[in-house]
N, C-alpha and C. Protein backbone atom coordinates (compact mmCIF):
# COMPACT_ATOMS: atom_id res chain seq x y z
N MET A 1 134.57 156.66 329.72
CA MET A 1 134.27 155.55 330.60
C MET A 1 133.57 154.46 329.80
N ASN A 2 134.31 153.52 329.29
CA ASN A 2 133.65 152.47 328.53
C ASN A 2 134.38 151.14 328.58
N ASP A 3 135.39 151.02 329.42
CA ASP A 3 136.01 149.71 329.56
C ASP A 3 136.30 149.42 331.03
N ILE A 4 136.59 148.19 331.29
CA ILE A 4 136.76 147.72 332.66
C ILE A 4 137.95 148.38 333.35
N SER A 5 138.87 148.97 332.59
CA SER A 5 140.05 149.60 333.20
C SER A 5 139.67 150.85 333.99
N GLU A 6 138.42 151.30 333.87
CA GLU A 6 137.97 152.45 334.65
C GLU A 6 137.83 152.11 336.14
N TRP A 7 137.73 150.82 336.47
CA TRP A 7 137.63 150.41 337.88
C TRP A 7 139.00 150.58 338.55
N PRO A 8 139.03 151.11 339.76
CA PRO A 8 140.28 151.07 340.53
C PRO A 8 140.67 149.60 340.72
N THR A 9 141.95 149.33 340.69
CA THR A 9 142.43 147.94 340.74
C THR A 9 141.91 147.19 341.95
N ASP A 10 141.92 147.82 343.12
CA ASP A 10 141.46 147.10 344.32
C ASP A 10 139.98 146.76 344.25
N LYS A 11 139.18 147.62 343.64
CA LYS A 11 137.74 147.35 343.55
C LYS A 11 137.44 146.28 342.50
N LEU A 12 138.17 146.31 341.39
CA LEU A 12 137.99 145.28 340.37
C LEU A 12 138.42 143.92 340.94
N THR A 13 139.49 143.90 341.69
CA THR A 13 139.93 142.66 342.33
C THR A 13 138.87 142.16 343.30
N ALA A 14 138.28 143.07 344.07
CA ALA A 14 137.23 142.67 345.02
C ALA A 14 136.06 142.03 344.28
N LEU A 15 135.63 142.64 343.17
CA LEU A 15 134.55 142.05 342.39
C LEU A 15 134.91 140.67 341.88
N ARG A 16 136.13 140.53 341.38
CA ARG A 16 136.58 139.24 340.86
C ARG A 16 136.69 138.19 341.95
N LEU A 17 136.86 138.63 343.19
CA LEU A 17 136.91 137.71 344.33
C LEU A 17 135.53 137.48 344.94
N GLY A 18 134.50 138.03 344.30
CA GLY A 18 133.13 137.78 344.76
C GLY A 18 132.65 138.71 345.84
N ARG A 19 133.29 139.86 346.01
CA ARG A 19 132.91 140.81 347.06
C ARG A 19 131.96 141.88 346.52
N ARG A 20 130.95 142.19 347.27
CA ARG A 20 129.97 143.22 346.91
C ARG A 20 130.57 144.60 347.09
N LEU A 21 130.21 145.53 346.18
CA LEU A 21 130.59 146.93 346.28
C LEU A 21 129.34 147.80 346.26
N VAL A 22 129.45 149.00 346.85
CA VAL A 22 128.29 149.88 347.02
C VAL A 22 128.67 151.32 346.67
N ALA A 23 127.72 152.05 346.10
CA ALA A 23 127.87 153.48 345.87
C ALA A 23 126.61 154.17 346.36
N GLU A 24 126.77 155.26 347.11
CA GLU A 24 125.59 156.05 347.47
C GLU A 24 125.28 156.97 346.29
N VAL A 25 124.02 157.09 345.97
CA VAL A 25 123.56 157.91 344.86
C VAL A 25 122.48 158.85 345.37
N PRO A 26 122.16 159.90 344.62
CA PRO A 26 121.10 160.81 345.06
C PRO A 26 119.75 160.09 345.17
N ALA A 27 119.04 160.40 346.23
CA ALA A 27 117.70 159.83 346.42
C ALA A 27 116.69 160.64 345.62
N THR A 28 115.57 160.01 345.32
CA THR A 28 114.54 160.69 344.54
C THR A 28 113.59 161.51 345.41
N ARG A 29 113.63 161.27 346.74
CA ARG A 29 112.72 161.96 347.65
C ARG A 29 113.47 162.51 348.85
N THR A 30 112.99 163.61 349.38
CA THR A 30 113.54 164.19 350.60
C THR A 30 113.35 163.21 351.74
N GLY A 31 114.35 163.12 352.60
CA GLY A 31 114.26 162.22 353.75
C GLY A 31 114.61 160.79 353.43
N HIS A 32 115.12 160.55 352.24
CA HIS A 32 115.51 159.21 351.83
C HIS A 32 116.99 159.19 351.44
N ARG A 33 117.56 158.02 351.45
CA ARG A 33 118.93 157.81 350.97
C ARG A 33 118.90 156.63 350.02
N ALA A 34 119.78 156.66 349.04
CA ALA A 34 119.77 155.62 348.01
C ALA A 34 121.17 155.07 347.78
N PHE A 35 121.21 153.79 347.44
CA PHE A 35 122.47 153.09 347.22
C PHE A 35 122.33 152.16 346.02
N VAL A 36 123.41 152.01 345.29
CA VAL A 36 123.49 151.01 344.22
C VAL A 36 124.55 150.01 344.66
N ASP A 37 124.19 148.74 344.62
CA ASP A 37 125.20 147.73 344.94
C ASP A 37 125.42 146.82 343.74
N VAL A 38 126.66 146.38 343.64
CA VAL A 38 127.06 145.40 342.62
C VAL A 38 127.43 144.14 343.39
N THR A 39 126.69 143.07 343.14
CA THR A 39 126.94 141.81 343.82
C THR A 39 127.38 140.78 342.80
N PRO A 40 128.62 140.29 342.92
CA PRO A 40 129.09 139.25 342.01
C PRO A 40 128.34 137.94 342.23
N GLY A 41 128.07 137.24 341.16
CA GLY A 41 127.45 135.94 341.25
C GLY A 41 128.41 134.92 341.85
N GLN A 42 127.86 133.99 342.60
CA GLN A 42 128.67 132.94 343.21
C GLN A 42 128.60 131.68 342.35
N THR A 43 129.70 130.97 342.30
CA THR A 43 129.80 129.77 341.48
C THR A 43 130.11 128.55 342.34
N LEU A 44 130.07 127.39 341.73
CA LEU A 44 130.45 126.16 342.41
C LEU A 44 131.90 126.25 342.88
N ARG A 45 132.75 126.86 342.07
CA ARG A 45 134.16 127.03 342.47
C ARG A 45 134.28 127.86 343.74
N ASP A 46 133.42 128.87 343.88
CA ASP A 46 133.43 129.68 345.10
C ASP A 46 133.08 128.82 346.31
N SER A 47 132.06 127.99 346.18
CA SER A 47 131.64 127.12 347.28
C SER A 47 132.75 126.16 347.68
N GLU A 48 133.40 125.58 346.68
CA GLU A 48 134.50 124.65 346.95
C GLU A 48 135.66 125.37 347.64
N ALA A 49 136.00 126.55 347.14
CA ALA A 49 137.10 127.32 347.73
C ALA A 49 136.78 127.70 349.17
N HIS A 50 135.53 128.16 349.40
CA HIS A 50 135.12 128.54 350.75
C HIS A 50 135.24 127.36 351.70
N GLY A 51 134.83 126.19 351.24
CA GLY A 51 134.91 124.99 352.06
C GLY A 51 136.34 124.61 352.42
N GLN A 52 137.28 125.06 351.59
CA GLN A 52 138.69 124.77 351.84
C GLN A 52 139.41 125.95 352.51
N GLY A 53 138.66 127.03 352.79
CA GLY A 53 139.24 128.15 353.52
C GLY A 53 139.96 129.19 352.68
N TRP A 54 139.63 129.28 351.41
CA TRP A 54 140.25 130.30 350.57
C TRP A 54 139.19 130.93 349.68
N VAL A 55 139.60 131.92 348.88
CA VAL A 55 138.68 132.65 348.01
C VAL A 55 139.11 132.46 346.57
N CYS A 56 138.15 132.25 345.71
CA CYS A 56 138.41 131.98 344.30
C CYS A 56 138.22 133.25 343.47
N GLY A 57 139.23 133.67 342.74
CA GLY A 57 139.12 134.79 341.82
C GLY A 57 138.56 134.32 340.49
N ASP A 58 137.73 135.17 339.87
CA ASP A 58 137.12 134.80 338.60
C ASP A 58 136.81 136.06 337.81
N ALA A 59 137.49 136.25 336.69
CA ALA A 59 137.26 137.43 335.84
C ALA A 59 136.04 137.26 334.94
N ASP A 60 135.40 136.09 334.98
CA ASP A 60 134.23 135.83 334.13
C ASP A 60 132.93 135.76 334.94
N ARG A 61 132.87 136.44 336.05
CA ARG A 61 131.69 136.40 336.90
C ARG A 61 130.51 137.14 336.26
N ALA A 62 129.33 136.73 336.68
CA ALA A 62 128.11 137.50 336.38
C ALA A 62 127.88 138.43 337.57
N PHE A 63 127.05 139.46 337.38
CA PHE A 63 126.81 140.43 338.43
C PHE A 63 125.33 140.78 338.50
N ARG A 64 124.91 141.16 339.69
CA ARG A 64 123.56 141.69 339.90
C ARG A 64 123.72 143.10 340.44
N LEU A 65 123.04 144.04 339.83
CA LEU A 65 123.04 145.43 340.28
C LEU A 65 121.66 145.76 340.82
N GLU A 66 121.63 146.43 341.96
CA GLU A 66 120.36 146.85 342.55
C GLU A 66 120.50 148.28 343.06
N HIS A 67 119.50 149.07 342.77
CA HIS A 67 119.42 150.46 343.23
C HIS A 67 118.26 150.53 344.21
N TRP A 68 118.57 150.69 345.50
CA TRP A 68 117.56 150.74 346.56
C TRP A 68 117.49 152.12 347.16
N GLU A 69 116.28 152.49 347.59
CA GLU A 69 116.08 153.75 348.28
C GLU A 69 115.41 153.46 349.62
N TYR A 70 115.93 154.10 350.69
CA TYR A 70 115.48 153.82 352.05
C TYR A 70 115.03 155.10 352.74
N ASP A 71 114.10 154.95 353.68
CA ASP A 71 113.73 156.04 354.57
C ASP A 71 114.92 156.28 355.49
N ALA A 72 115.48 157.47 355.47
CA ALA A 72 116.71 157.77 356.23
C ALA A 72 116.52 157.56 357.73
N GLU A 73 115.32 157.79 358.24
CA GLU A 73 115.08 157.64 359.68
C GLU A 73 115.09 156.19 360.14
N LEU A 74 114.87 155.26 359.22
CA LEU A 74 114.82 153.84 359.60
C LEU A 74 116.11 153.09 359.31
N MET A 75 117.08 153.76 358.72
CA MET A 75 118.29 153.05 358.25
C MET A 75 119.16 152.49 359.37
N ASP A 76 119.11 153.06 360.55
CA ASP A 76 119.98 152.61 361.63
C ASP A 76 119.46 151.41 362.41
N GLY A 77 118.25 150.99 362.16
CA GLY A 77 117.67 149.90 362.93
C GLY A 77 117.43 148.65 362.12
N PHE A 78 116.76 147.72 362.75
CA PHE A 78 116.44 146.46 362.10
C PHE A 78 115.37 146.62 361.03
N ASP A 79 114.63 147.71 361.10
CA ASP A 79 113.51 147.92 360.19
C ASP A 79 113.88 148.77 358.98
N TYR A 80 115.14 148.78 358.60
CA TYR A 80 115.59 149.61 357.49
C TYR A 80 114.84 149.31 356.19
N ASP A 81 114.30 148.10 356.08
CA ASP A 81 113.65 147.71 354.84
C ASP A 81 112.17 148.11 354.77
N ILE A 82 111.60 148.64 355.86
CA ILE A 82 110.22 149.10 355.82
C ILE A 82 110.16 150.31 354.90
N GLY A 83 109.34 150.23 353.90
CA GLY A 83 109.20 151.33 352.95
C GLY A 83 110.34 151.43 351.94
N ALA A 84 111.28 150.51 351.99
CA ALA A 84 112.38 150.54 351.01
C ALA A 84 111.81 150.27 349.62
N VAL A 85 112.41 150.93 348.63
CA VAL A 85 111.93 150.81 347.26
C VAL A 85 113.09 150.35 346.37
N LEU A 86 112.86 149.29 345.62
CA LEU A 86 113.82 148.86 344.61
C LEU A 86 113.58 149.73 343.38
N VAL A 87 114.49 150.66 343.14
CA VAL A 87 114.33 151.62 342.05
C VAL A 87 114.65 150.97 340.71
N ALA A 88 115.70 150.16 340.68
CA ALA A 88 116.11 149.49 339.45
C ALA A 88 116.96 148.29 339.79
N SER A 89 116.96 147.31 338.89
CA SER A 89 117.85 146.15 339.04
C SER A 89 118.24 145.67 337.65
N ALA A 90 119.37 145.00 337.60
CA ALA A 90 119.86 144.49 336.32
C ALA A 90 120.81 143.33 336.58
N GLU A 91 120.89 142.47 335.59
CA GLU A 91 121.86 141.38 335.59
C GLU A 91 122.89 141.69 334.52
N ALA A 92 124.15 141.41 334.80
CA ALA A 92 125.23 141.60 333.83
C ALA A 92 125.98 140.28 333.72
N ALA A 93 126.11 139.78 332.51
CA ALA A 93 126.73 138.47 332.27
C ALA A 93 128.24 138.47 332.46
N GLY A 94 128.85 139.62 332.50
CA GLY A 94 130.30 139.70 332.68
C GLY A 94 130.71 141.14 332.91
N GLU A 95 132.00 141.36 332.95
CA GLU A 95 132.52 142.69 333.24
C GLU A 95 132.14 143.71 332.16
N GLY A 96 132.09 143.30 330.91
CA GLY A 96 131.69 144.20 329.83
C GLY A 96 130.25 144.66 330.00
N GLU A 97 129.35 143.73 330.31
CA GLU A 97 127.95 144.10 330.52
C GLU A 97 127.79 144.92 331.79
N LEU A 98 128.62 144.65 332.79
CA LEU A 98 128.59 145.46 334.00
C LEU A 98 128.91 146.91 333.67
N MET A 99 129.97 147.13 332.89
CA MET A 99 130.32 148.50 332.49
C MET A 99 129.21 149.13 331.66
N ALA A 100 128.61 148.38 330.75
CA ALA A 100 127.52 148.92 329.93
C ALA A 100 126.35 149.35 330.80
N THR A 101 126.04 148.58 331.83
CA THR A 101 124.96 148.93 332.73
C THR A 101 125.30 150.18 333.53
N LEU A 102 126.53 150.26 334.01
CA LEU A 102 126.94 151.45 334.76
C LEU A 102 126.87 152.70 333.88
N ILE A 103 127.25 152.56 332.63
CA ILE A 103 127.15 153.69 331.69
C ILE A 103 125.69 154.08 331.51
N ALA A 104 124.83 153.10 331.32
CA ALA A 104 123.40 153.37 331.14
C ALA A 104 122.81 154.04 332.39
N TRP A 105 123.27 153.66 333.55
CA TRP A 105 122.79 154.24 334.81
C TRP A 105 123.56 155.51 335.18
N GLN A 106 124.49 155.91 334.34
CA GLN A 106 125.32 157.10 334.55
C GLN A 106 126.08 157.06 335.87
N LEU A 107 126.71 155.91 336.13
CA LEU A 107 127.50 155.73 337.34
C LEU A 107 128.96 155.49 336.98
N ASP A 108 129.83 156.21 337.63
CA ASP A 108 131.26 156.04 337.47
C ASP A 108 131.72 154.92 338.41
N PRO A 109 132.45 153.94 337.91
CA PRO A 109 132.89 152.84 338.79
C PRO A 109 133.76 153.31 339.95
N ARG A 110 134.37 154.47 339.84
CA ARG A 110 135.21 154.98 340.92
C ARG A 110 134.38 155.44 342.12
N ARG A 111 133.06 155.52 341.97
CA ARG A 111 132.18 155.89 343.09
C ARG A 111 131.94 154.72 344.04
N PHE A 112 132.21 153.51 343.59
CA PHE A 112 131.93 152.32 344.40
C PHE A 112 133.03 152.09 345.41
N THR A 113 132.60 151.59 346.55
CA THR A 113 133.54 151.27 347.61
C THR A 113 133.05 150.03 348.35
N TYR A 114 133.79 149.65 349.36
CA TYR A 114 133.43 148.48 350.15
C TYR A 114 132.22 148.82 351.02
N PRO A 115 131.31 147.88 351.23
CA PRO A 115 130.09 148.17 351.99
C PRO A 115 130.36 148.77 353.37
N TRP A 116 131.42 148.35 354.04
CA TRP A 116 131.70 148.84 355.38
C TRP A 116 132.17 150.31 355.37
N ASN A 117 132.47 150.85 354.21
CA ASN A 117 132.84 152.26 354.09
C ASN A 117 131.63 153.13 353.72
N THR A 118 130.45 152.54 353.74
CA THR A 118 129.22 153.27 353.39
C THR A 118 128.22 153.11 354.54
N GLU A 119 127.11 153.77 354.41
CA GLU A 119 126.03 153.61 355.37
C GLU A 119 124.90 152.77 354.80
N ASP A 120 125.22 152.00 353.74
CA ASP A 120 124.25 151.08 353.16
C ASP A 120 123.76 150.14 354.25
N PRO A 121 122.45 150.06 354.47
CA PRO A 121 121.96 149.25 355.60
C PRO A 121 122.00 147.74 355.38
N LYS A 122 122.25 147.29 354.17
CA LYS A 122 122.25 145.83 353.93
C LYS A 122 123.46 145.17 354.54
């Protein structure tokens, strides 16, 4: 696992289109759940495209990765962020740095999915 081809095509396309992806990971404490999200950076081209009703693909996006841990009992409500802990965060200047960060965090890109397919409270 060391190149961008490890991403499933649909997920890599989603990232290039500016869509956030999420993976559930083991929590560090009992009664908690943890998620890592990859959020593509937005550009001026994205804003222009959105204003015209379309989505702009970009293979040169930057990314923000965040690893959050939540109290499982609060995840279903509006207060999911009470007691939430940011375990780690990173910026990746492009797809290569994104893969390097995932390797450092020991995460397989195939674990990521669309947010609506997870119980990530964000």
